[in-house]
Amino acid sequence: MTVSFKVGNVLLGLVEINAGSVKEQKMSPILRRKGSIQKEALLALAIVTAAAAILIPIAKRSSGNSLLLNESGRMRKVYVALTLYEEQFDQQPAPNLLAASVYDPNQADYASGLDPFVKSQPAGQGFPIDPGLDGSEKSPFRISFSYLPNFVRAGKLSIKPWAETRLDPKVGELADEWFGSVQAEEPYHAKVSGALLRINTDGAVYVLPDRGGPKSLGDPQDLFIKR
């Protein structure tokens, strides 16, 4: 009986060992598959990371180009209106951008999409006629762009006679200060830095990459002269 009991124990042990071996054989493909899935996931992550490294800068450039097109498109329409005014009035510049609205009555063309004050007109009051000047002239709609003759009339900038200035392609005629970084202040003031968008007297688009700052609105060198 003793021998039989021992033999039984041995057989039971063999069965257990054999069962464990079968179980191990059954689990091995699963473990191998799990490792394969992990490798595939890491490969996919690496591909996504590499693609993001390539596409994100492209998307940023695309977004920047779209912004540039939108903002310069508005300014070009105003530039055309100013040119039509000069043709009508013996090559004299418009006194301000409000006067140019006779030739381009679309008020949206005069407001930069980046101007934080576009929708902040107080009840019963008008907007400043030029964001860079602290004058009493008002406009019934928001004018975001600074206009060279405004600064000449205000005594903040001296230029050659307008007929000569008009022929200088390096001089800015319209400028958008909101194109860079803006820290809005009330009422209608801001600290600005970074890039500045300009339409020169020949109608060309010019971007001043970094005007420094932050500084107050209305630096005539930045707006019209600085290269």
Foldseek 3Di string as FASTA:
>chain_A
DVVVVVVVVVVVVVVVVVVVVVVVVVCVVVVVVVVVVVVVVVVVVVVVVVVCVVVVVVVVVVVLVVLLCVLLVLVLQLLVLQVVVCVVVVNDGDQASLVSCVVPVPLVSQDRPQQPCQPPADPPAFDDRELQDPDPDGDNGDGQKHAVNNCVVVVNDDDDPSVVQLPDQQWFGIKHQSSADWADDPPSKTFGWAKIWTQGSVRDIDIDGTPDDSDIGHDNCRGTNPD
